[in-house]
N, C-alpha and C. Protein backbone atom coordinates (compact mmCIF):
# COMPACT_ATOMS: atom_id res chain seq x y z
N UNK A 1 61.06 115.17 150.60
CA UNK A 1 62.55 114.94 150.95
C UNK A 1 63.35 115.22 149.92
N UNK A 2 63.10 115.63 148.67
CA UNK A 2 63.87 116.05 147.48
C UNK A 2 64.22 117.44 147.97
N UNK A 3 63.31 118.36 148.48
CA UNK A 3 63.51 119.56 148.70
C UNK A 3 64.67 119.84 149.78
N UNK A 4 64.54 118.96 150.76
CA UNK A 4 65.74 119.02 151.90
C UNK A 4 66.94 118.88 151.39
N UNK A 5 67.16 117.88 150.48
CA UNK A 5 68.29 117.62 149.75
C UNK A 5 68.83 118.57 148.94
N UNK A 6 67.86 119.26 148.24
CA UNK A 6 68.31 120.54 147.37
C UNK A 6 68.65 121.67 148.14
N UNK A 7 68.06 121.76 149.38
CA UNK A 7 68.66 123.03 150.20
C UNK A 7 70.06 122.67 150.92
N UNK A 8 70.19 121.22 151.11
CA UNK A 8 71.50 120.96 151.74
C UNK A 8 72.70 120.87 150.52
N UNK A 9 72.54 119.84 149.45
CA UNK A 9 73.47 119.46 148.85
C UNK A 9 73.76 120.65 147.81
N UNK A 10 72.61 121.34 147.42
CA UNK A 10 72.80 122.36 146.28
C UNK A 10 73.85 123.56 146.70
N UNK A 11 73.72 124.24 147.65
CA UNK A 11 74.62 125.30 148.24
C UNK A 11 76.14 124.54 148.63
N UNK A 12 76.12 123.31 148.98
CA UNK A 12 77.25 122.45 149.18
C UNK A 12 78.06 122.47 147.70
N UNK A 13 77.44 122.01 147.03
CA UNK A 13 77.99 121.90 145.44
C UNK A 13 78.68 123.34 145.01
N UNK A 14 78.10 124.39 145.40
CA UNK A 14 78.46 125.72 144.92
C UNK A 14 79.52 125.92 145.72
N UNK A 15 79.80 125.57 146.98
CA UNK A 15 81.08 125.88 147.86
C UNK A 15 82.04 125.00 147.29
N UNK A 16 81.90 123.72 147.34
CA UNK A 16 82.91 122.82 147.03
C UNK A 16 83.53 122.50 145.54
N UNK A 17 82.73 122.82 144.46
CA UNK A 17 83.11 122.63 143.07
C UNK A 17 84.22 123.47 142.81
N UNK A 18 84.26 124.72 143.29
CA UNK A 18 85.56 125.48 142.81
C UNK A 18 86.86 125.05 143.69
N UNK A 19 86.54 124.31 144.90
CA UNK A 19 87.79 124.00 145.57
C UNK A 19 88.59 122.61 144.87
N UNK A 20 87.89 122.00 143.76
CA UNK A 20 88.49 120.93 143.13
C UNK A 20 89.70 121.57 142.64
N UNK A 21 90.93 120.73 142.67
CA UNK A 21 92.09 121.32 142.02
C UNK A 21 92.04 120.93 140.50
N UNK A 22 92.72 121.78 139.85
CA UNK A 22 92.65 121.63 138.19
C UNK A 22 91.24 121.62 137.65
N UNK A 23 90.26 122.40 137.99
CA UNK A 23 88.98 122.37 137.26
C UNK A 23 88.92 123.90 136.84
N UNK A 24 88.37 124.02 135.65
CA UNK A 24 88.18 125.16 135.31
C UNK A 24 86.83 125.69 135.65
N UNK A 25 86.47 126.83 135.44
CA UNK A 25 85.22 127.51 135.81
C UNK A 25 83.94 126.90 135.22
N UNK A 26 84.23 126.70 133.92
CA UNK A 26 82.90 126.04 133.18
C UNK A 26 82.60 124.43 133.62
N UNK A 27 83.86 123.85 133.95
CA UNK A 27 83.68 122.53 134.57
C UNK A 27 83.14 122.55 136.01
N UNK A 28 83.31 123.64 136.76
CA UNK A 28 82.74 123.94 138.01
C UNK A 28 81.16 124.12 137.86
N UNK A 29 80.85 124.85 136.92
CA UNK A 29 79.49 125.37 136.69
C UNK A 29 78.65 124.01 136.14
N UNK A 30 79.21 123.14 135.45
CA UNK A 30 78.64 121.99 135.00
C UNK A 30 78.31 120.89 136.24
N UNK A 31 79.39 120.79 137.12
CA UNK A 31 79.04 119.93 138.28
C UNK A 31 78.03 120.61 138.98
N UNK A 32 78.02 121.92 139.49
CA UNK A 32 76.85 122.39 140.04
C UNK A 32 75.46 122.26 139.36
N UNK A 33 75.46 122.54 138.03
CA UNK A 33 74.13 122.27 137.25
C UNK A 33 73.68 120.80 137.30
N UNK A 34 74.72 119.92 137.42
CA UNK A 34 74.45 118.58 137.35
C UNK A 34 73.73 118.18 138.53
N UNK A 35 74.41 118.66 139.68
CA UNK A 35 73.96 118.43 141.20
C UNK A 35 72.55 119.01 141.16
N UNK A 36 72.14 120.29 140.85
CA UNK A 36 70.67 120.95 140.99
C UNK A 36 69.86 119.98 140.22
N UNK A 37 70.34 119.64 138.93
CA UNK A 37 69.33 119.01 137.97
C UNK A 37 69.25 117.50 138.34
N UNK A 38 70.34 116.80 138.91
CA UNK A 38 70.02 115.72 139.37
C UNK A 38 69.13 115.43 140.75
N UNK A 39 69.11 116.56 141.53
CA UNK A 39 68.31 116.63 142.65
C UNK A 39 66.94 116.78 142.23
N UNK A 40 66.54 117.64 141.08
CA UNK A 40 65.07 117.81 140.75
C UNK A 40 64.35 116.87 140.18
N UNK A 41 65.15 115.62 139.78
CA UNK A 41 64.56 114.47 139.33
C UNK A 41 63.99 113.73 140.52
N UNK A 42 64.36 113.69 141.61
CA UNK A 42 63.96 112.96 142.69
C UNK A 42 62.65 113.48 143.16
């Protein structure tokens, strides 16, 4: 189940994070890293 979530949510975070208004590149990378890291815990 975790692998399926990683495949779906991981790339979605890469696409959606830069679209958040008023967010820097570093903050977008942190959001993406936390998404992948959080999914690896499950």
